[in-house]
Structures are given as structure tokens and as C-alpha cells.
Amino acid sequence: MKNHFLRNGRVLLFGHRGYSSLAPENTLAAFRILLEKQIPGAELDVHRCKSGELVVTHDDNLERVTGFKGRVAETDFSRIRSLDAGGWFSHEFKGKKIPLFDEVLELLGKNVYFDIELKRRGKAENGLEEEVLSRMRAHNIENLSLLSSFNPWCIRRVNRLAPEIPTAVIYSASKKLSFFLRHGEALFITNARFLKPNYKVVRPWTILVQGKVFKAEVLPWIVNDPQIAEKLLKAGARGIISNDPGKILTLDYYRSPAR
């Protein structure tokens, strides 16, 4: 079966970290709302914690969403599971937990397609890519998945392990990133099929160049304004990643049953 992302003409839409404008990011609550709102795609972030489990959370450090000053890679899952990952968002979500990757896949099933961001620093391998691929296969979602990362070494490894699964290089102009990772140049050492730029660094002509010259499809993030989304799609973007995907879903681009 051909991978969902390689089907020509399909305009994609992802809820960024679930439906993160209505619930705390990357929690089961955010992914349940995504299903309720019938958003076709889910973007999520996967780390490997100290005890080896795959957990769905964005930052390397747990402090922003839990108040606990510890790195995911240096914290056992039992400790991570004890933390409140919802109270920072609102009292309504107090007590929500950081989920396992398996739990998110069990909830979403084959009702959506996936953009799975791999969170690993540097060249040193920790088994993240192998374990993510193993869980994807166990849930039979390989043909519904795109694997992405800021880390080009992650993408290179995925391409060696599973060349049939499309990959994406993520980039932005943030000075927290090395200069090499701010403009999409990692595309040249990864052979990724997609580029995922922060929408603020994207212009219509850059989408054209990346598509025609570099043969890469473009998925901008995080686009919450339908007018901006429409301009990017008109310029040739393959899809949109949004914190408020319900607003973007109203565009004519998503009224086709092929979405």
C-alpha cells in the first residue's frame, strides 16, 4: 500500500501536539478533541526517557508543562507519570498525564494520519528510531505516517532503517538552533521528502524553489490564521500544521473527500 503522504494532490492538515489550543499539548485530552473535531492529522513529539519508555512530550526539559526541573532523558517513566501535565493550561485539565507513545496510538488508531517528531540530540544513538518504528508497525500505521526531526542524524537513521516511510527536516530561524539548522540545509544530507519550516520564514517563492528545485514538499508550522494558511497553500504548500486546526479545516482546500 502506498504511503498516505506520497499520494499526489492530497492537502494535509495536522493538529499541532493534538488540538493544543483547546487542551494541554500532547496529552490524551488534546488528542481526543482532535478526534471529536474530525481533524485528519495529528502531530506529536516522542522522546525516550531514562527507563526506556517512549513518551509524548515536546521539550527536552519537563519544567514548562509540569513544573519539574528535569530532563526527559534523565528521568524514569514512573517519575514522569507522577507529574501534572495539565494544570499549567487550566484548572479543568489539572492532573492530566504525559502519555506513552503506545497510549496515543491506541487512542487515535487509524482515524488520522501522523506526523511523528523524533526528539533526540546529537549523533549518539539511543534506540529511539528503532523503537518508534517498532511501535508504528505494531499499530499498523506505517502507511499513515511521516517521521520528522530538527536532528538530521535522526532522519538519516530512519531513512536507512525504513526507506519506505517519508521523512521531514524541520527548521526555523530560532537562534537556539545552529546556523546549519535554520534554513533547511539539512535536506541535503538526509534525502528527506518534506521540509517543515516555521511559517514565519516561508515566502511563496521559497515554496516554489523548494518544490521545483529541491523536489521537497513543504509543510509549514504553526499556522493559526486561515488567511495565512490559504496563501501558503495557494503557493504550493502540501499542508498546514496548526494549534487551531478547526479554523483551517474550513478552507476550500479541505472540502474535498480526498483530504
Protein backbone atom coordinates (compact mmCIF):
# COMPACT_ATOMS: atom_id res chain seq x y z
CA MET A 1 0.00 0.00 0.00
CA LYS A 2 1.33 3.42 -0.94
CA ASN A 3 2.13 5.72 1.95
CA HIS A 4 -0.58 8.31 2.59
CA PHE A 5 1.87 11.18 2.24
CA LEU A 6 3.02 10.14 -1.20
CA ARG A 7 -0.44 10.35 -2.76
CA ASN A 8 -0.49 13.21 -5.22
CA GLY A 9 -2.93 16.05 -4.67
CA ARG A 10 -3.77 15.31 -1.05
CA VAL A 11 -3.74 18.50 1.02
CA LEU A 12 -2.71 17.73 4.60
CA LEU A 13 -3.78 19.22 7.92
CA PHE A 14 -2.33 18.41 11.34
CA GLY A 15 -3.29 19.40 14.84
CA HIS A 16 -0.02 20.55 16.42
CA ARG A 17 0.59 18.46 19.56
CA GLY A 18 -3.04 17.41 19.31
CA TYR A 19 -5.66 20.15 19.48
CA SER A 20 -3.35 22.28 21.60
CA SER A 21 -5.40 25.49 21.59
CA LEU A 22 -8.21 23.71 23.46
CA ALA A 23 -6.32 21.31 25.74
CA PRO A 24 -2.80 20.89 27.14
CA GLU A 25 -0.43 19.92 24.36
CA ASN A 26 0.49 16.29 23.73
CA THR A 27 -1.98 14.95 26.31
CA LEU A 28 -4.65 12.36 25.60
CA ALA A 29 -7.20 15.14 26.18
CA ALA A 30 -5.74 17.13 23.27
CA PHE A 31 -5.81 14.08 21.01
CA ARG A 32 -9.40 13.21 21.98
CA ILE A 33 -10.53 16.70 20.99
CA LEU A 34 -8.68 16.25 17.70
CA LEU A 35 -10.82 13.17 17.02
CA GLU A 36 -14.02 14.89 18.13
CA LYS A 37 -13.34 17.81 15.77
CA GLN A 38 -12.58 15.37 12.92
CA ILE A 39 -9.15 16.81 12.23
CA PRO A 40 -7.48 14.45 9.73
CA GLY A 41 -3.89 14.58 11.03
CA ALA A 42 -2.07 14.51 14.37
CA GLU A 43 1.38 15.96 15.00
CA LEU A 44 3.14 14.75 18.16
CA ASP A 45 6.58 14.60 19.77
CA VAL A 46 8.34 11.47 21.02
CA HIS A 47 11.23 11.17 23.49
CA ARG A 48 12.86 8.13 25.03
CA CYS A 49 13.04 8.55 28.81
CA LYS A 50 15.73 7.22 31.16
CA SER A 51 13.95 3.92 31.82
CA GLY A 52 13.48 3.33 28.08
CA GLU A 53 9.80 4.08 27.51
CA LEU A 54 8.65 6.29 24.65
CA VAL A 55 6.80 9.32 25.99
CA VAL A 56 4.86 12.02 24.15
CA THR A 57 6.01 15.48 25.19
CA HIS A 58 7.74 18.32 23.39
CA ASP A 59 10.53 19.87 25.44
CA ASP A 60 13.77 18.18 26.45
CA ASN A 61 13.09 19.54 29.94
CA LEU A 62 9.85 18.80 31.78
CA GLU A 63 9.61 22.12 33.63
CA ARG A 64 7.39 24.14 31.27
CA VAL A 65 4.47 21.69 31.26
CA THR A 66 4.89 20.05 34.68
CA GLY A 67 6.95 22.37 36.90
CA PHE A 68 9.51 19.59 37.44
CA LYS A 69 13.07 20.68 36.64
CA GLY A 70 14.33 17.54 35.00
CA ARG A 71 15.27 16.34 31.53
CA VAL A 72 13.16 13.62 29.92
CA ALA A 73 16.27 11.61 29.05
CA GLU A 74 17.39 11.67 32.70
CA THR A 75 14.02 10.85 34.30
CA ASP A 76 12.39 7.43 34.79
CA PHE A 77 8.88 6.94 33.47
CA SER A 78 7.48 6.32 36.96
CA ARG A 79 8.51 9.86 37.92
CA ILE A 80 7.28 11.35 34.66
CA ARG A 81 3.92 9.63 35.12
CA SER A 82 3.50 11.16 38.58
CA LEU A 83 3.68 14.72 37.23
CA ASP A 84 0.74 17.01 36.44
CA ALA A 85 0.96 17.92 32.75
CA GLY A 86 -2.38 19.71 32.51
CA GLY A 87 -2.67 22.19 35.36
CA TRP A 88 -0.43 24.74 33.63
CA PHE A 89 -3.06 25.02 30.87
CA SER A 90 -6.16 25.41 33.06
CA HIS A 91 -7.70 24.04 36.25
CA GLU A 92 -10.05 21.93 34.12
CA PHE A 93 -7.12 19.79 32.98
CA LYS A 94 -5.29 19.54 36.30
CA GLY A 95 -3.91 16.03 36.80
CA LYS A 96 -3.58 15.12 33.12
CA LYS A 97 -0.51 13.00 32.48
CA ILE A 98 2.26 12.78 29.91
CA PRO A 99 1.20 9.76 27.84
CA LEU A 100 3.14 6.87 26.44
CA PHE A 101 3.52 6.77 22.66
CA ASP A 102 1.57 3.49 22.68
CA GLU A 103 -1.33 5.14 24.51
CA VAL A 104 -1.61 7.88 21.91
CA LEU A 105 -1.51 5.35 19.06
CA GLU A 106 -4.16 3.21 20.77
CA LEU A 107 -6.43 6.24 21.15
CA LEU A 108 -6.03 7.57 17.62
CA GLY A 109 -5.82 4.25 15.80
CA LYS A 110 -6.20 4.63 12.04
CA ASN A 111 -8.62 7.53 12.35
CA VAL A 112 -5.90 10.06 11.50
CA TYR A 113 -2.58 10.30 9.72
CA PHE A 114 0.53 11.12 11.74
CA ASP A 115 3.48 13.49 11.81
CA ILE A 116 5.72 11.99 14.48
CA GLU A 117 8.55 14.28 15.55
CA LEU A 118 11.61 12.46 16.89
CA LYS A 119 13.29 14.23 19.80
CA ARG A 120 16.94 13.32 20.14
CA ARG A 121 20.06 15.49 20.40
CA GLY A 122 23.32 14.95 18.54
CA LYS A 123 24.68 11.94 16.70
CA ALA A 124 24.70 9.48 19.60
CA GLU A 125 22.04 6.82 19.06
CA ASN A 126 19.74 5.75 21.89
CA GLY A 127 17.40 3.35 20.12
CA LEU A 128 14.69 5.98 19.64
CA GLU A 129 14.24 5.45 15.92
CA GLU A 130 14.15 1.65 16.15
CA GLU A 131 11.60 1.67 18.98
CA VAL A 132 9.36 4.24 17.30
CA LEU A 133 9.34 2.19 14.10
CA SER A 134 8.60 -0.96 16.10
CA ARG A 135 5.58 0.63 17.78
CA MET A 136 4.33 2.08 14.49
CA ARG A 137 4.45 -1.39 12.96
CA ALA A 138 2.73 -2.92 15.97
CA HIS A 139 -0.13 -0.45 15.48
CA ASN A 140 -0.02 -0.86 11.69
CA ILE A 141 0.30 2.87 10.94
CA GLU A 142 3.44 2.88 8.77
CA ASN A 143 1.39 3.84 5.71
CA LEU A 144 -0.22 6.71 7.60
CA SER A 145 2.96 8.24 8.99
CA LEU A 146 5.58 10.87 8.35
CA LEU A 147 8.65 10.98 10.62
CA SER A 148 10.24 14.37 11.21
CA SER A 149 13.01 15.96 13.27
CA PHE A 150 15.21 19.00 13.71
CA ASN A 151 18.04 16.49 14.10
CA PRO A 152 19.37 15.41 10.68
CA TRP A 153 21.02 12.34 12.23
CA CYS A 154 17.60 11.07 13.29
CA ILE A 155 16.33 11.47 9.74
CA ARG A 156 19.35 9.75 8.22
CA ARG A 157 18.85 6.81 10.55
CA VAL A 158 15.14 6.48 9.77
CA ASN A 159 15.90 6.58 6.06
CA ARG A 160 18.34 3.69 6.49
CA LEU A 161 16.02 1.65 8.70
CA ALA A 162 12.75 2.29 6.85
CA PRO A 163 13.26 3.97 3.47
CA GLU A 164 9.60 3.40 2.60
CA ILE A 165 8.45 5.88 5.27
CA PRO A 166 8.70 9.56 4.22
CA THR A 167 10.70 11.92 6.40
CA ALA A 168 10.84 15.66 7.01
CA VAL A 169 13.54 18.11 8.07
CA ILE A 170 12.23 20.76 10.48
CA TYR A 171 13.72 24.25 10.62
CA SER A 172 13.14 27.76 11.91
CA ALA A 173 15.09 30.99 12.33
CA SER A 174 15.48 30.48 16.08
CA LYS A 175 18.95 31.37 17.33
CA LYS A 176 18.67 28.44 19.73
CA LEU A 177 19.39 26.29 16.68
CA SER A 178 22.74 26.01 14.98
CA PHE A 179 23.00 28.11 11.81
CA PHE A 180 23.02 24.90 9.77
CA LEU A 181 19.51 24.06 11.03
CA ARG A 182 17.89 27.44 10.40
CA HIS A 183 17.37 27.29 6.64
CA GLY A 184 16.57 23.69 5.71
CA GLU A 185 20.07 22.83 4.51
CA ALA A 186 19.85 19.53 6.41
CA LEU A 187 17.73 18.37 3.48
CA PHE A 188 20.93 17.79 1.52
CA ILE A 189 22.41 15.28 3.97
CA THR A 190 19.18 13.45 4.75
CA ASN A 191 17.33 12.88 1.46
CA ALA A 192 14.13 13.86 3.25
CA ARG A 193 11.00 14.13 1.11
CA PHE A 194 9.49 17.01 3.12
CA LEU A 195 10.59 20.32 4.63
CA LYS A 196 8.82 21.61 7.74
CA PRO A 197 9.64 25.32 8.17
CA ASN A 198 8.23 27.69 10.74
CA TYR A 199 5.71 29.62 8.66
CA LYS A 200 7.40 32.92 9.53
CA VAL A 201 10.42 32.01 7.39
CA VAL A 202 8.32 30.89 4.42
CA ARG A 203 7.50 33.02 1.39
CA PRO A 204 5.57 31.94 -1.71
CA TRP A 205 8.74 31.98 -3.80
CA THR A 206 10.58 29.77 -1.28
CA ILE A 207 7.84 27.15 -1.55
CA LEU A 208 8.22 27.26 -5.34
CA VAL A 209 12.01 26.90 -5.18
CA GLN A 210 11.92 24.11 -2.63
CA GLY A 211 9.32 22.25 -4.65
CA LYS A 212 10.75 22.69 -8.13
CA VAL A 213 14.48 22.78 -7.48
CA PHE A 214 14.93 20.65 -4.38
CA LYS A 215 11.97 18.31 -5.08
CA ALA A 216 10.79 18.75 -1.49
CA GLU A 217 7.22 19.22 -0.34
CA VAL A 218 6.58 21.92 2.26
CA LEU A 219 4.56 21.63 5.50
CA PRO A 220 4.64 24.97 7.36
CA TRP A 221 4.05 25.22 11.11
CA ILE A 222 2.41 26.73 13.28
CA VAL A 223 -0.28 28.43 11.16
CA ASN A 224 -3.39 29.50 13.09
CA ASP A 225 -4.70 32.21 10.74
CA PRO A 226 -6.84 30.83 7.86
CA GLN A 227 -5.83 33.71 5.58
CA ILE A 228 -2.14 32.94 6.02
CA ALA A 229 -2.83 29.24 5.56
CA GLU A 230 -4.70 29.91 2.33
CA LYS A 231 -1.80 31.97 0.93
CA LEU A 232 0.69 29.22 1.76
CA LEU A 233 -1.49 26.51 0.22
CA LYS A 234 -2.07 28.62 -2.89
CA ALA A 235 1.72 28.98 -3.23
CA GLY A 236 2.07 25.21 -3.23
CA ALA A 237 2.45 24.11 0.39
CA ARG A 238 1.43 20.47 0.76
CA GLY A 239 -0.41 21.12 4.01
CA ILE A 240 -0.61 23.02 7.28
CA ILE A 241 0.27 22.30 10.91
CA SER A 242 -1.87 24.31 13.35
CA ASN A 243 -2.67 24.73 17.04
CA ASP A 244 -6.25 25.53 15.99
CA PRO A 245 -6.80 23.22 13.02
CA GLY A 246 -10.59 23.56 13.11
CA LYS A 247 -10.25 27.09 11.72
CA ILE A 248 -8.01 25.87 8.91
CA LEU A 249 -10.36 22.98 8.12
CA THR A 250 -12.99 25.48 6.91
CA LEU A 251 -10.86 26.37 3.86
CA ASP A 252 -11.97 25.09 0.46
CA TYR A 253 -8.74 23.08 0.20
CA TYR A 254 -10.13 20.67 2.80
CA ARG A 255 -13.66 20.28 1.48
CA SER A 256 -12.62 17.53 -0.90
CA PRO A 257 -13.24 13.98 0.39
CA ALA A 258 -9.61 13.23 -0.62
CA ARG A 259 -8.20 15.04 2.40
